[in-house]
């Protein structure tokens, strides 16, 4: 599952360059309103028969980003010092004497990371679902990211300075209709290949660490 968005007045870089001889209307360079979308690839474990599947087994959701799911009340680095202190009091955390805002932020960040589940994890858990996050900066492990890239590319190539929000929805719908099951499976296969490569790399790193430890023990 993944989220994306499109800005209302987003301009391509070449459209932002003003040429005195160009009579094409150029929109102001700002983002304006935006449309947000959520898309997902639905699948099930075909290695397990439906009769053997646990009755209480719900969905496993694969996501790629944690920060945006923290919730509006979670203190951020830009939050006021008073809000951070209030949050630390609520969490019964010790507040160092004369602690700077940066120190308070570090203490809170560590506590939140270790003890506070993202909102989406808590909400999904209430319904029996499990959230699994991919490693940061590894969008190639997310098949839906590859699908999104293709869809947004198709919609984006149709953009012009006369494009309106009313044009975006039908273009987006047509782009999704053009995504075939074969293409989706290709995205899944590509992600699986990347996952296999990453697994082999991690195993190789583990082997190097073990060899290094063995060498140190022998030298001792």
N, C-alpha and C. Protein backbone atom coordinates (compact mmCIF):
# COMPACT_ATOMS: atom_id res chain seq x y z
N UNK A 1 0.85 -1.18 0.00
CA UNK A 1 0.00 0.00 0.00
C UNK A 1 0.89 1.24 0.00
N UNK A 2 0.45 2.28 -0.71
CA UNK A 2 1.26 3.49 -0.78
C UNK A 2 0.36 4.68 -1.06
N UNK A 3 0.83 5.85 -0.67
CA UNK A 3 0.09 7.08 -0.89
C UNK A 3 0.84 7.96 -1.88
N UNK A 4 0.13 8.83 -2.54
CA UNK A 4 0.77 9.77 -3.45
C UNK A 4 -0.13 11.00 -3.58
N UNK A 5 0.34 11.98 -4.32
CA UNK A 5 -0.45 13.20 -4.48
C UNK A 5 -0.06 13.92 -5.77
N UNK A 6 -0.92 14.81 -6.20
CA UNK A 6 -0.65 15.66 -7.36
C UNK A 6 -1.03 17.09 -7.01
N UNK A 7 -0.13 18.02 -7.31
CA UNK A 7 -0.39 19.42 -7.01
C UNK A 7 -1.26 20.07 -8.09
N UNK A 8 -2.08 21.00 -7.65
CA UNK A 8 -2.98 21.70 -8.55
C UNK A 8 -2.22 22.58 -9.55
N UNK A 9 -1.30 23.39 -9.06
CA UNK A 9 -0.62 24.36 -9.91
C UNK A 9 0.86 24.04 -10.09
N UNK A 10 1.21 22.77 -9.99
CA UNK A 10 2.62 22.41 -10.15
C UNK A 10 3.08 22.68 -11.58
N UNK A 11 4.24 23.31 -11.73
CA UNK A 11 4.76 23.62 -13.07
C UNK A 11 6.04 22.84 -13.33
N UNK A 12 6.18 22.34 -14.54
CA UNK A 12 7.43 21.71 -14.93
C UNK A 12 8.51 22.78 -14.99
N UNK A 13 9.79 22.35 -14.83
CA UNK A 13 10.87 23.32 -14.77
C UNK A 13 10.94 24.18 -16.03
N UNK A 14 10.77 23.57 -17.21
CA UNK A 14 10.90 24.35 -18.44
C UNK A 14 9.73 25.31 -18.63
N UNK A 15 8.59 25.02 -17.98
CA UNK A 15 7.45 25.93 -18.06
C UNK A 15 7.65 27.15 -17.18
N UNK A 16 8.61 27.05 -16.24
CA UNK A 16 8.84 28.15 -15.31
C UNK A 16 9.82 29.18 -15.88
N UNK A 17 10.44 28.86 -17.01
CA UNK A 17 11.39 29.77 -17.63
C UNK A 17 10.63 30.73 -18.55
N UNK A 18 10.81 32.01 -18.33
CA UNK A 18 10.09 33.02 -19.09
C UNK A 18 10.88 33.40 -20.34
N UNK A 19 10.27 33.30 -21.49
CA UNK A 19 10.87 33.70 -22.76
C UNK A 19 10.03 34.84 -23.32
N UNK A 20 10.61 36.02 -23.52
CA UNK A 20 9.82 37.17 -24.00
C UNK A 20 9.11 36.90 -25.32
N UNK A 21 9.64 35.99 -26.13
CA UNK A 21 9.03 35.71 -27.43
C UNK A 21 7.97 34.62 -27.36
N UNK A 22 7.78 34.05 -26.18
CA UNK A 22 6.82 32.95 -26.01
C UNK A 22 5.47 33.53 -25.61
N UNK A 23 4.44 33.25 -26.39
CA UNK A 23 3.12 33.78 -26.08
C UNK A 23 2.28 32.81 -25.26
N UNK A 24 2.90 31.70 -24.80
CA UNK A 24 2.19 30.72 -23.97
C UNK A 24 2.06 31.25 -22.55
N UNK A 25 0.86 31.15 -22.00
CA UNK A 25 0.63 31.59 -20.63
C UNK A 25 1.38 30.68 -19.66
N UNK A 26 2.15 31.29 -18.77
CA UNK A 26 2.92 30.53 -17.79
C UNK A 26 2.30 30.71 -16.42
N UNK A 27 1.98 29.60 -15.76
CA UNK A 27 1.39 29.68 -14.43
C UNK A 27 2.44 30.11 -13.40
N UNK A 28 1.98 30.68 -12.31
CA UNK A 28 2.89 31.05 -11.24
C UNK A 28 3.54 29.79 -10.68
N UNK A 29 4.77 29.96 -10.21
CA UNK A 29 5.52 28.81 -9.71
C UNK A 29 5.18 28.57 -8.24
N UNK A 30 4.11 27.87 -8.00
CA UNK A 30 3.75 27.47 -6.64
C UNK A 30 2.93 26.19 -6.74
N UNK A 31 2.78 25.50 -5.62
CA UNK A 31 2.14 24.19 -5.64
C UNK A 31 0.62 24.25 -5.51
N UNK A 32 0.09 25.13 -4.68
CA UNK A 32 -1.35 25.23 -4.53
C UNK A 32 -1.97 24.00 -3.89
N UNK A 33 -3.26 23.77 -4.19
CA UNK A 33 -3.96 22.60 -3.64
C UNK A 33 -3.38 21.32 -4.21
N UNK A 34 -3.68 20.21 -3.54
CA UNK A 34 -3.21 18.94 -4.09
C UNK A 34 -4.23 17.84 -3.85
N UNK A 35 -4.24 16.89 -4.74
CA UNK A 35 -5.08 15.69 -4.62
C UNK A 35 -4.23 14.58 -4.03
N UNK A 36 -4.75 13.91 -3.01
CA UNK A 36 -4.03 12.80 -2.40
C UNK A 36 -4.72 11.48 -2.77
N UNK A 37 -3.92 10.45 -3.02
CA UNK A 37 -4.45 9.16 -3.43
C UNK A 37 -3.80 8.05 -2.61
N UNK A 38 -4.53 6.97 -2.42
CA UNK A 38 -3.99 5.77 -1.79
C UNK A 38 -4.28 4.60 -2.71
N UNK A 39 -3.26 3.81 -2.99
CA UNK A 39 -3.42 2.64 -3.86
C UNK A 39 -2.78 1.43 -3.20
N UNK A 40 -3.23 0.25 -3.58
CA UNK A 40 -2.70 -0.97 -2.99
C UNK A 40 -2.79 -2.12 -3.98
N UNK A 41 -1.89 -3.07 -3.82
CA UNK A 41 -1.94 -4.33 -4.56
C UNK A 41 -2.47 -5.38 -3.59
N UNK A 42 -3.58 -6.01 -3.92
CA UNK A 42 -4.20 -7.01 -3.05
C UNK A 42 -3.78 -8.40 -3.50
N UNK A 43 -3.37 -9.21 -2.55
CA UNK A 43 -2.93 -10.57 -2.87
C UNK A 43 -3.14 -11.42 -1.63
N UNK A 44 -3.02 -12.74 -1.80
CA UNK A 44 -3.10 -13.64 -0.66
C UNK A 44 -2.03 -14.70 -0.78
N UNK A 45 -1.71 -15.34 0.33
CA UNK A 45 -0.69 -16.37 0.35
C UNK A 45 -1.24 -17.63 -0.31
N UNK A 46 -0.81 -17.87 -1.53
CA UNK A 46 -1.34 -19.02 -2.27
C UNK A 46 -0.73 -20.35 -1.81
N UNK A 47 0.26 -20.28 -0.91
CA UNK A 47 0.85 -21.51 -0.39
C UNK A 47 -0.02 -22.12 0.70
N UNK A 48 -1.04 -21.37 1.15
CA UNK A 48 -1.93 -21.86 2.21
C UNK A 48 -3.34 -21.97 1.64
N UNK A 49 -3.93 -23.14 1.79
CA UNK A 49 -5.31 -23.35 1.33
C UNK A 49 -6.27 -22.53 2.19
N UNK A 50 -7.38 -22.10 1.58
CA UNK A 50 -8.36 -21.31 2.32
C UNK A 50 -8.89 -22.07 3.53
N UNK A 51 -9.03 -23.41 3.41
CA UNK A 51 -9.54 -24.21 4.52
C UNK A 51 -8.55 -24.25 5.68
N UNK A 52 -7.25 -24.09 5.38
CA UNK A 52 -6.23 -24.15 6.41
C UNK A 52 -5.88 -22.78 6.99
N UNK A 53 -6.41 -21.74 6.39
CA UNK A 53 -6.10 -20.38 6.84
C UNK A 53 -6.79 -20.10 8.18
N UNK A 54 -6.04 -19.61 9.19
CA UNK A 54 -6.65 -19.32 10.49
C UNK A 54 -7.83 -18.36 10.36
N UNK A 55 -8.88 -18.63 11.12
CA UNK A 55 -10.09 -17.80 11.03
C UNK A 55 -9.84 -16.37 11.47
N UNK A 56 -8.90 -16.19 12.42
CA UNK A 56 -8.64 -14.85 12.94
C UNK A 56 -7.50 -14.14 12.21
N UNK A 57 -7.01 -14.76 11.14
CA UNK A 57 -5.91 -14.16 10.39
C UNK A 57 -6.45 -13.07 9.48
N UNK A 58 -6.00 -11.84 9.72
CA UNK A 58 -6.46 -10.72 8.90
C UNK A 58 -5.38 -10.36 7.88
N UNK A 59 -5.25 -9.10 7.55
CA UNK A 59 -4.34 -8.69 6.48
C UNK A 59 -2.98 -8.27 7.01
N UNK A 60 -1.96 -8.46 6.18
CA UNK A 60 -0.63 -7.91 6.41
C UNK A 60 -0.42 -6.79 5.39
N UNK A 61 -0.12 -5.60 5.88
CA UNK A 61 0.01 -4.44 5.00
C UNK A 61 1.47 -4.01 4.93
N UNK A 62 1.97 -3.88 3.73
CA UNK A 62 3.36 -3.50 3.51
C UNK A 62 3.42 -2.02 3.17
N UNK A 63 4.10 -1.24 4.02
CA UNK A 63 4.23 0.20 3.82
C UNK A 63 5.70 0.58 3.81
N UNK A 64 5.98 1.80 3.35
CA UNK A 64 7.38 2.19 3.20
C UNK A 64 7.82 3.35 4.08
N UNK A 65 6.93 4.13 4.66
CA UNK A 65 7.32 5.31 5.41
C UNK A 65 6.62 5.34 6.76
N UNK A 66 7.39 5.67 7.81
CA UNK A 66 6.82 5.68 9.15
C UNK A 66 6.42 7.08 9.59
N UNK A 67 7.23 8.09 9.28
CA UNK A 67 7.06 9.43 9.84
C UNK A 67 5.67 10.01 9.62
N UNK A 68 5.09 9.79 8.42
CA UNK A 68 3.81 10.42 8.13
C UNK A 68 2.66 9.78 8.87
N UNK A 69 2.90 8.64 9.54
CA UNK A 69 1.84 7.94 10.26
C UNK A 69 1.91 8.17 11.77
N UNK A 70 2.74 9.13 12.22
CA UNK A 70 2.93 9.33 13.65
C UNK A 70 1.72 9.97 14.31
N UNK A 71 0.97 10.76 13.59
CA UNK A 71 -0.19 11.43 14.18
C UNK A 71 0.08 12.90 14.43
N UNK A 72 -0.99 13.70 14.44
CA UNK A 72 -0.83 15.14 14.57
C UNK A 72 -0.35 15.56 15.95
N UNK A 73 -0.66 14.78 16.99
CA UNK A 73 -0.29 15.18 18.35
C UNK A 73 1.14 14.82 18.70
N UNK A 74 1.83 14.04 17.87
CA UNK A 74 3.20 13.65 18.16
C UNK A 74 4.11 14.86 18.01
N UNK A 75 4.89 15.22 19.06
CA UNK A 75 5.79 16.39 18.96
C UNK A 75 6.81 16.20 17.83
N UNK A 76 7.05 17.27 17.11
CA UNK A 76 8.03 17.25 16.02
C UNK A 76 9.22 18.13 16.40
N UNK A 77 10.27 18.08 15.58
CA UNK A 77 11.45 18.87 15.86
C UNK A 77 11.14 20.36 15.90
N UNK A 78 10.15 20.78 15.13
CA UNK A 78 9.79 22.19 15.10
C UNK A 78 8.76 22.59 16.14
N UNK A 79 8.35 21.65 17.00
CA UNK A 79 7.35 21.96 18.03
C UNK A 79 7.91 22.94 19.06
N UNK A 80 7.02 23.66 19.72
CA UNK A 80 7.44 24.59 20.76
C UNK A 80 8.00 23.82 21.96
N UNK A 81 8.89 24.47 22.69
CA UNK A 81 9.52 23.85 23.86
C UNK A 81 8.48 23.45 24.89
N UNK A 82 7.46 24.30 25.07
CA UNK A 82 6.42 24.01 26.06
C UNK A 82 5.67 22.73 25.70
N UNK A 83 5.43 22.51 24.41
CA UNK A 83 4.73 21.29 23.97
C UNK A 83 5.59 20.06 24.24
N UNK A 84 6.90 20.18 24.03
CA UNK A 84 7.80 19.06 24.29
C UNK A 84 7.82 18.72 25.78
N UNK A 85 7.89 19.76 26.62
CA UNK A 85 7.90 19.53 28.07
C UNK A 85 6.59 18.89 28.52
N UNK A 86 5.48 19.35 27.96
CA UNK A 86 4.18 18.77 28.29
C UNK A 86 4.12 17.30 27.90
N UNK A 87 4.65 16.98 26.73
CA UNK A 87 4.67 15.59 26.27
C UNK A 87 5.55 14.73 27.16
N UNK A 88 6.68 15.28 27.60
CA UNK A 88 7.58 14.52 28.48
C UNK A 88 6.92 14.28 29.83
N UNK A 89 6.17 15.26 30.32
CA UNK A 89 5.45 15.06 31.59
C UNK A 89 4.38 13.98 31.44
N UNK A 90 3.68 13.99 30.30
CA UNK A 90 2.66 12.97 30.05
C UNK A 90 3.27 11.57 30.01
N UNK A 91 4.49 11.49 29.47
CA UNK A 91 5.18 10.19 29.35
C UNK A 91 5.99 9.85 30.59
N UNK A 92 5.92 10.76 31.61
CA UNK A 92 6.68 10.57 32.86
C UNK A 92 8.18 10.42 32.60
N UNK A 93 8.69 11.27 31.72
CA UNK A 93 10.12 11.27 31.41
C UNK A 93 10.82 12.35 32.23
N UNK A 94 12.03 12.06 32.65
CA UNK A 94 12.80 13.02 33.44
C UNK A 94 13.27 14.15 32.53
N UNK A 95 13.06 15.38 32.99
CA UNK A 95 13.46 16.55 32.21
C UNK A 95 14.76 17.10 32.79
N UNK A 96 15.87 17.04 32.04
CA UNK A 96 17.15 17.53 32.54
C UNK A 96 17.09 19.02 32.87
N UNK A 97 17.83 19.43 33.87
CA UNK A 97 17.87 20.84 34.25
C UNK A 97 18.46 21.68 33.13
N UNK A 98 17.79 22.78 32.82
CA UNK A 98 18.25 23.70 31.78
C UNK A 98 18.49 23.01 30.43
N UNK A 99 17.71 21.98 30.14
CA UNK A 99 17.87 21.27 28.87
C UNK A 99 17.44 22.15 27.71
N UNK A 100 18.23 22.12 26.65
CA UNK A 100 17.87 22.88 25.46
C UNK A 100 16.75 22.16 24.70
N UNK A 101 16.17 22.87 23.76
CA UNK A 101 15.10 22.29 22.95
C UNK A 101 15.61 21.08 22.17
N UNK A 102 16.86 21.15 21.70
CA UNK A 102 17.44 20.04 20.94
C UNK A 102 17.57 18.79 21.80
N UNK A 103 17.96 18.97 23.07
CA UNK A 103 18.09 17.83 23.99
C UNK A 103 16.72 17.22 24.28
N UNK A 104 15.73 18.08 24.53
CA UNK A 104 14.37 17.58 24.76
C UNK A 104 13.87 16.80 23.55
N UNK A 105 14.16 17.31 22.37
CA UNK A 105 13.72 16.65 21.14
C UNK A 105 14.36 15.27 21.01
N UNK A 106 15.64 15.16 21.33
CA UNK A 106 16.34 13.87 21.24
C UNK A 106 15.76 12.85 22.23
N UNK A 107 15.48 13.31 23.45
CA UNK A 107 14.92 12.40 24.46
C UNK A 107 13.54 11.92 24.03
N UNK A 108 12.71 12.85 23.57
CA UNK A 108 11.37 12.49 23.11
C UNK A 108 11.40 11.57 21.90
N UNK A 109 12.28 11.88 20.96
CA UNK A 109 12.38 11.07 19.74
C UNK A 109 12.73 9.63 20.06
N UNK A 110 13.68 9.44 20.97
CA UNK A 110 14.08 8.08 21.35
C UNK A 110 12.94 7.35 22.05
N UNK A 111 12.24 8.07 22.95
CA UNK A 111 11.13 7.44 23.66
C UNK A 111 10.02 7.05 22.70
N UNK A 112 9.69 7.94 21.77
CA UNK A 112 8.62 7.65 20.80
C UNK A 112 9.01 6.47 19.92
N UNK A 113 10.25 6.45 19.47
CA UNK A 113 10.71 5.37 18.61
C UNK A 113 10.66 4.02 19.31
N UNK A 114 11.01 4.01 20.61
CA UNK A 114 11.08 2.75 21.36
C UNK A 114 9.74 2.31 21.94
N UNK A 115 8.83 3.25 22.19
CA UNK A 115 7.64 2.90 22.96
C UNK A 115 6.29 3.26 22.33
N UNK A 116 6.28 4.14 21.35
CA UNK A 116 5.02 4.61 20.79
C UNK A 116 4.86 4.10 19.36
N UNK A 117 3.83 3.30 19.14
CA UNK A 117 3.58 2.77 17.80
C UNK A 117 2.95 3.85 16.93
N UNK A 118 3.30 3.90 15.65
CA UNK A 118 2.63 4.85 14.75
C UNK A 118 1.12 4.65 14.77
N UNK A 119 0.38 5.70 14.50
CA UNK A 119 -1.08 5.65 14.55
C UNK A 119 -1.62 4.53 13.69
N UNK A 120 -1.07 4.38 12.49
CA UNK A 120 -1.61 3.37 11.57
C UNK A 120 -1.39 1.96 12.10
N UNK A 121 -0.29 1.75 12.84
CA UNK A 121 -0.03 0.43 13.43
C UNK A 121 -1.05 0.13 14.51
N UNK A 122 -1.32 1.13 15.37
CA UNK A 122 -2.31 0.94 16.44
C UNK A 122 -3.70 0.70 15.87
N UNK A 123 -4.09 1.50 14.88
CA UNK A 123 -5.43 1.35 14.29
C UNK A 123 -5.58 -0.01 13.60
N UNK A 124 -4.55 -0.41 12.88
CA UNK A 124 -4.62 -1.71 12.19
C UNK A 124 -4.66 -2.85 13.19
N UNK A 125 -3.88 -2.72 14.28
CA UNK A 125 -3.87 -3.76 15.30
C UNK A 125 -5.22 -3.95 15.95
N UNK A 126 -5.98 -2.87 16.10
CA UNK A 126 -7.32 -2.98 16.69
C UNK A 126 -8.24 -3.85 15.84
N UNK A 127 -7.98 -3.90 14.54
CA UNK A 127 -8.79 -4.71 13.62
C UNK A 127 -8.14 -6.05 13.30
N UNK A 128 -7.03 -6.35 13.97
CA UNK A 128 -6.37 -7.63 13.75
C UNK A 128 -5.39 -7.66 12.60
N UNK A 129 -5.10 -6.48 12.01
CA UNK A 129 -4.16 -6.42 10.89
C UNK A 129 -2.74 -6.16 11.39
N UNK A 130 -1.76 -6.48 10.55
CA UNK A 130 -0.36 -6.25 10.90
C UNK A 130 0.28 -5.35 9.85
N UNK A 131 1.04 -4.36 10.31
CA UNK A 131 1.75 -3.45 9.42
C UNK A 131 3.22 -3.85 9.36
N UNK A 132 3.74 -4.00 8.16
CA UNK A 132 5.16 -4.33 7.96
C UNK A 132 5.79 -3.20 7.16
N UNK A 133 6.87 -2.61 7.69
CA UNK A 133 7.53 -1.50 7.01
C UNK A 133 8.77 -1.98 6.26
N UNK A 134 8.94 -1.49 5.05
CA UNK A 134 10.16 -1.78 4.30
C UNK A 134 11.27 -0.88 4.83
N UNK A 135 12.55 -1.24 4.59
CA UNK A 135 13.66 -0.40 5.06
C UNK A 135 13.59 0.99 4.44
N UNK A 136 14.06 2.01 5.16
CA UNK A 136 14.05 3.37 4.60
C UNK A 136 14.86 3.44 3.31
N UNK A 137 14.40 4.26 2.39
CA UNK A 137 15.10 4.53 1.13
C UNK A 137 15.21 3.29 0.24
N UNK A 138 14.31 2.35 0.38
CA UNK A 138 14.29 1.16 -0.47
C UNK A 138 12.92 1.03 -1.13
N UNK A 139 12.54 2.05 -1.90
CA UNK A 139 11.24 2.00 -2.57
C UNK A 139 11.19 0.90 -3.62
N UNK A 140 12.38 0.41 -4.05
CA UNK A 140 12.39 -0.67 -5.04
C UNK A 140 11.94 -2.00 -4.45
N UNK A 141 11.75 -2.04 -3.12
CA UNK A 141 11.21 -3.25 -2.48
C UNK A 141 9.69 -3.19 -2.39
N UNK A 142 9.10 -2.08 -2.83
CA UNK A 142 7.65 -1.88 -2.77
C UNK A 142 7.06 -1.95 -4.18
N UNK A 143 6.40 -3.04 -4.54
CA UNK A 143 5.83 -3.14 -5.89
C UNK A 143 4.89 -1.99 -6.24
N UNK A 144 4.10 -1.51 -5.26
CA UNK A 144 3.14 -0.45 -5.55
C UNK A 144 3.86 0.85 -5.92
N UNK A 145 5.09 1.04 -5.41
CA UNK A 145 5.87 2.22 -5.77
C UNK A 145 6.19 2.21 -7.26
N UNK A 146 6.51 1.02 -7.78
CA UNK A 146 6.83 0.90 -9.20
C UNK A 146 5.58 1.15 -10.04
N UNK A 147 4.45 0.64 -9.57
CA UNK A 147 3.18 0.88 -10.27
C UNK A 147 2.88 2.38 -10.28
N UNK A 148 3.06 3.02 -9.12
CA UNK A 148 2.80 4.46 -9.02
C UNK A 148 3.68 5.23 -9.99
N UNK A 149 4.94 4.84 -10.10
CA UNK A 149 5.86 5.54 -11.00
C UNK A 149 5.35 5.51 -12.43
N UNK A 150 4.84 4.34 -12.85
CA UNK A 150 4.31 4.21 -14.20
C UNK A 150 3.04 5.05 -14.39
N UNK A 151 2.15 4.98 -13.38
CA UNK A 151 0.88 5.72 -13.47
C UNK A 151 1.12 7.23 -13.50
N UNK A 152 1.94 7.71 -12.57
CA UNK A 152 2.19 9.15 -12.50
C UNK A 152 2.95 9.64 -13.73
N UNK A 153 3.82 8.76 -14.26
CA UNK A 153 4.53 9.14 -15.47
C UNK A 153 3.57 9.35 -16.63
N UNK A 154 2.59 8.44 -16.76
CA UNK A 154 1.62 8.56 -17.85
C UNK A 154 0.76 9.81 -17.69
N UNK A 155 0.34 10.09 -16.46
CA UNK A 155 -0.48 11.29 -16.22
C UNK A 155 0.36 12.56 -16.38
N UNK A 156 1.58 12.52 -15.87
CA UNK A 156 2.44 13.70 -15.92
C UNK A 156 2.80 14.12 -17.33
N UNK A 157 2.96 13.16 -18.21
CA UNK A 157 3.33 13.49 -19.59
C UNK A 157 2.21 14.20 -20.35
N UNK A 158 1.00 14.15 -19.81
CA UNK A 158 -0.14 14.83 -20.44
C UNK A 158 -0.33 16.25 -19.91
N UNK A 159 0.53 16.64 -18.95
CA UNK A 159 0.36 17.95 -18.32
C UNK A 159 0.70 19.08 -19.30
N UNK A 160 -0.04 20.16 -19.19
CA UNK A 160 0.25 21.39 -19.92
C UNK A 160 -0.17 22.56 -19.05
N UNK A 161 0.13 23.75 -19.47
CA UNK A 161 -0.22 24.93 -18.67
C UNK A 161 -1.72 25.16 -18.60
N UNK A 162 -2.48 24.45 -19.42
CA UNK A 162 -3.94 24.58 -19.39
C UNK A 162 -4.61 23.45 -18.61
N UNK A 163 -3.82 22.55 -18.03
CA UNK A 163 -4.38 21.43 -17.28
C UNK A 163 -5.11 21.92 -16.04
N UNK A 164 -6.28 21.37 -15.78
CA UNK A 164 -7.06 21.71 -14.59
C UNK A 164 -7.23 20.46 -13.72
N UNK A 165 -7.72 20.69 -12.49
CA UNK A 165 -7.98 19.56 -11.61
C UNK A 165 -9.01 18.62 -12.23
N UNK A 166 -9.97 19.19 -12.96
CA UNK A 166 -11.00 18.36 -13.58
C UNK A 166 -10.41 17.41 -14.61
N UNK A 167 -9.26 17.76 -15.19
CA UNK A 167 -8.61 16.89 -16.17
C UNK A 167 -7.87 15.72 -15.51
N UNK A 168 -7.43 15.94 -14.27
CA UNK A 168 -6.55 14.96 -13.63
C UNK A 168 -7.26 13.65 -13.34
N UNK A 169 -8.46 13.71 -12.78
CA UNK A 169 -9.15 12.49 -12.37
C UNK A 169 -9.37 11.51 -13.52
N UNK A 170 -9.96 11.92 -14.64
CA UNK A 170 -10.13 10.95 -15.74
C UNK A 170 -8.81 10.44 -16.29
N UNK A 171 -7.79 11.28 -16.31
CA UNK A 171 -6.48 10.83 -16.78
C UNK A 171 -5.90 9.78 -15.83
N UNK A 172 -6.09 10.03 -14.53
CA UNK A 172 -5.60 9.07 -13.54
C UNK A 172 -6.35 7.75 -13.65
N UNK A 173 -7.66 7.82 -13.84
CA UNK A 173 -8.46 6.61 -13.98
C UNK A 173 -8.04 5.81 -15.22
N UNK A 174 -7.80 6.51 -16.33
CA UNK A 174 -7.36 5.82 -17.54
C UNK A 174 -5.99 5.19 -17.35
N UNK A 175 -5.12 5.89 -16.62
CA UNK A 175 -3.78 5.35 -16.38
C UNK A 175 -3.85 4.06 -15.57
N UNK A 176 -4.74 4.03 -14.55
CA UNK A 176 -4.89 2.80 -13.76
C UNK A 176 -5.52 1.69 -14.60
N UNK A 177 -6.45 2.05 -15.48
CA UNK A 177 -7.07 1.04 -16.34
C UNK A 177 -6.05 0.42 -17.29
N UNK A 178 -5.01 1.19 -17.62
CA UNK A 178 -3.98 0.70 -18.53
C UNK A 178 -2.96 -0.19 -17.82
N UNK A 179 -3.03 -0.25 -16.49
CA UNK A 179 -2.12 -1.13 -15.74
C UNK A 179 -2.69 -2.54 -15.77
N UNK A 180 -2.06 -3.42 -16.51
CA UNK A 180 -2.56 -4.79 -16.66
C UNK A 180 -2.07 -5.68 -15.53
N UNK A 181 -2.74 -6.81 -15.28
CA UNK A 181 -2.27 -7.77 -14.28
C UNK A 181 -0.84 -8.24 -14.56
N UNK A 182 -0.50 -8.37 -15.84
CA UNK A 182 0.86 -8.78 -16.21
C UNK A 182 1.87 -7.72 -15.75
N UNK A 183 1.51 -6.44 -15.94
CA UNK A 183 2.40 -5.36 -15.52
C UNK A 183 2.57 -5.35 -14.00
N UNK A 184 1.48 -5.56 -13.27
CA UNK A 184 1.55 -5.60 -11.80
C UNK A 184 2.43 -6.76 -11.35
N UNK A 185 2.25 -7.93 -11.97
CA UNK A 185 3.08 -9.07 -11.62
C UNK A 185 4.56 -8.79 -11.93
N UNK A 186 4.80 -8.05 -13.01
CA UNK A 186 6.17 -7.67 -13.33
C UNK A 186 6.77 -6.78 -12.25
N UNK A 187 5.97 -5.88 -11.69
CA UNK A 187 6.44 -5.02 -10.60
C UNK A 187 6.75 -5.85 -9.35
N UNK A 188 5.89 -6.83 -9.08
CA UNK A 188 6.12 -7.71 -7.92
C UNK A 188 7.39 -8.52 -8.12
N UNK A 189 7.57 -9.06 -9.33
CA UNK A 189 8.77 -9.85 -9.62
C UNK A 189 10.03 -9.00 -9.49
N UNK A 190 9.97 -7.75 -9.95
CA UNK A 190 11.12 -6.86 -9.85
C UNK A 190 11.47 -6.59 -8.39
N UNK A 191 10.45 -6.38 -7.56
CA UNK A 191 10.69 -6.15 -6.13
C UNK A 191 11.27 -7.40 -5.47
N UNK A 192 10.78 -8.57 -5.87
CA UNK A 192 11.30 -9.83 -5.31
C UNK A 192 12.77 -10.03 -5.69
N UNK A 193 13.13 -9.64 -6.91
CA UNK A 193 14.54 -9.76 -7.32
C UNK A 193 15.42 -8.86 -6.47
N UNK A 194 14.95 -7.64 -6.22
CA UNK A 194 15.71 -6.73 -5.36
C UNK A 194 15.82 -7.27 -3.94
N UNK A 195 14.74 -7.87 -3.46
CA UNK A 195 14.74 -8.44 -2.11
C UNK A 195 15.73 -9.60 -2.02
N UNK A 196 15.78 -10.42 -3.05
CA UNK A 196 16.73 -11.54 -3.08
C UNK A 196 18.17 -11.03 -3.07
N UNK A 197 18.44 -9.99 -3.86
CA UNK A 197 19.79 -9.40 -3.89
C UNK A 197 20.16 -8.83 -2.52
N UNK A 198 19.21 -8.15 -1.88
CA UNK A 198 19.47 -7.57 -0.56
C UNK A 198 19.73 -8.67 0.46
N UNK A 199 18.96 -9.76 0.40
CA UNK A 199 19.14 -10.88 1.32
C UNK A 199 20.53 -11.48 1.17
N UNK A 200 20.97 -11.69 -0.08
CA UNK A 200 22.31 -12.25 -0.32
C UNK A 200 23.39 -11.31 0.19
N UNK A 201 23.18 -10.00 0.01
CA UNK A 201 24.15 -9.02 0.49
C UNK A 201 24.26 -9.07 2.02
N UNK A 202 23.12 -9.13 2.70
CA UNK A 202 23.13 -9.18 4.17
C UNK A 202 23.78 -10.47 4.66
N UNK A 203 23.51 -11.58 3.98
CA UNK A 203 24.13 -12.85 4.36
C UNK A 203 25.64 -12.79 4.17
N UNK A 204 26.09 -12.15 3.08
CA UNK A 204 27.52 -12.00 2.83
C UNK A 204 28.17 -11.13 3.91
N UNK A 205 27.48 -10.06 4.31
CA UNK A 205 27.99 -9.20 5.38
C UNK A 205 28.09 -9.96 6.69
N UNK A 206 27.09 -10.80 6.99
CA UNK A 206 27.13 -11.61 8.20
C UNK A 206 28.31 -12.57 8.17
N UNK A 207 28.57 -13.16 7.01
CA UNK A 207 29.69 -14.10 6.88
C UNK A 207 31.02 -13.39 7.11
N UNK A 208 31.13 -12.16 6.59
CA UNK A 208 32.36 -11.38 6.80
C UNK A 208 32.55 -11.07 8.27
N UNK A 209 31.47 -10.70 8.96
CA UNK A 209 31.56 -10.39 10.39
C UNK A 209 31.98 -11.62 11.18
N UNK A 210 31.42 -12.79 10.84
CA UNK A 210 31.78 -14.02 11.54
C UNK A 210 33.23 -14.38 11.29
N UNK A 211 33.70 -14.21 10.06
CA UNK A 211 35.09 -14.51 9.73
C UNK A 211 36.02 -13.58 10.49
N UNK A 212 35.63 -12.30 10.60
CA UNK A 212 36.44 -11.33 11.33
C UNK A 212 36.52 -11.69 12.80
N UNK A 213 35.39 -12.12 13.38
CA UNK A 213 35.37 -12.52 14.79
C UNK A 213 36.24 -13.75 15.02
N UNK A 214 36.18 -14.72 14.10
CA UNK A 214 36.99 -15.93 14.22
C UNK A 214 38.47 -15.60 14.17
N UNK A 215 38.84 -14.66 13.30
CA UNK A 215 40.24 -14.27 13.17
C UNK A 215 40.73 -13.60 14.45
N UNK A 216 39.89 -12.76 15.04
CA UNK A 216 40.27 -12.08 16.27
C UNK A 216 40.44 -13.08 17.41
N UNK A 217 39.55 -14.08 17.47
CA UNK A 217 39.64 -15.09 18.52
C UNK A 217 40.91 -15.92 18.37
N UNK A 218 41.29 -16.25 17.12
CA UNK A 218 42.49 -17.03 16.89
C UNK A 218 43.74 -16.25 17.27
N UNK A 219 43.72 -14.93 17.00
CA UNK A 219 44.88 -14.11 17.34
C UNK A 219 45.04 -13.97 18.84
N UNK A 220 43.89 -14.01 19.56
CA UNK A 220 43.97 -13.92 21.02
C UNK A 220 44.58 -15.20 21.59
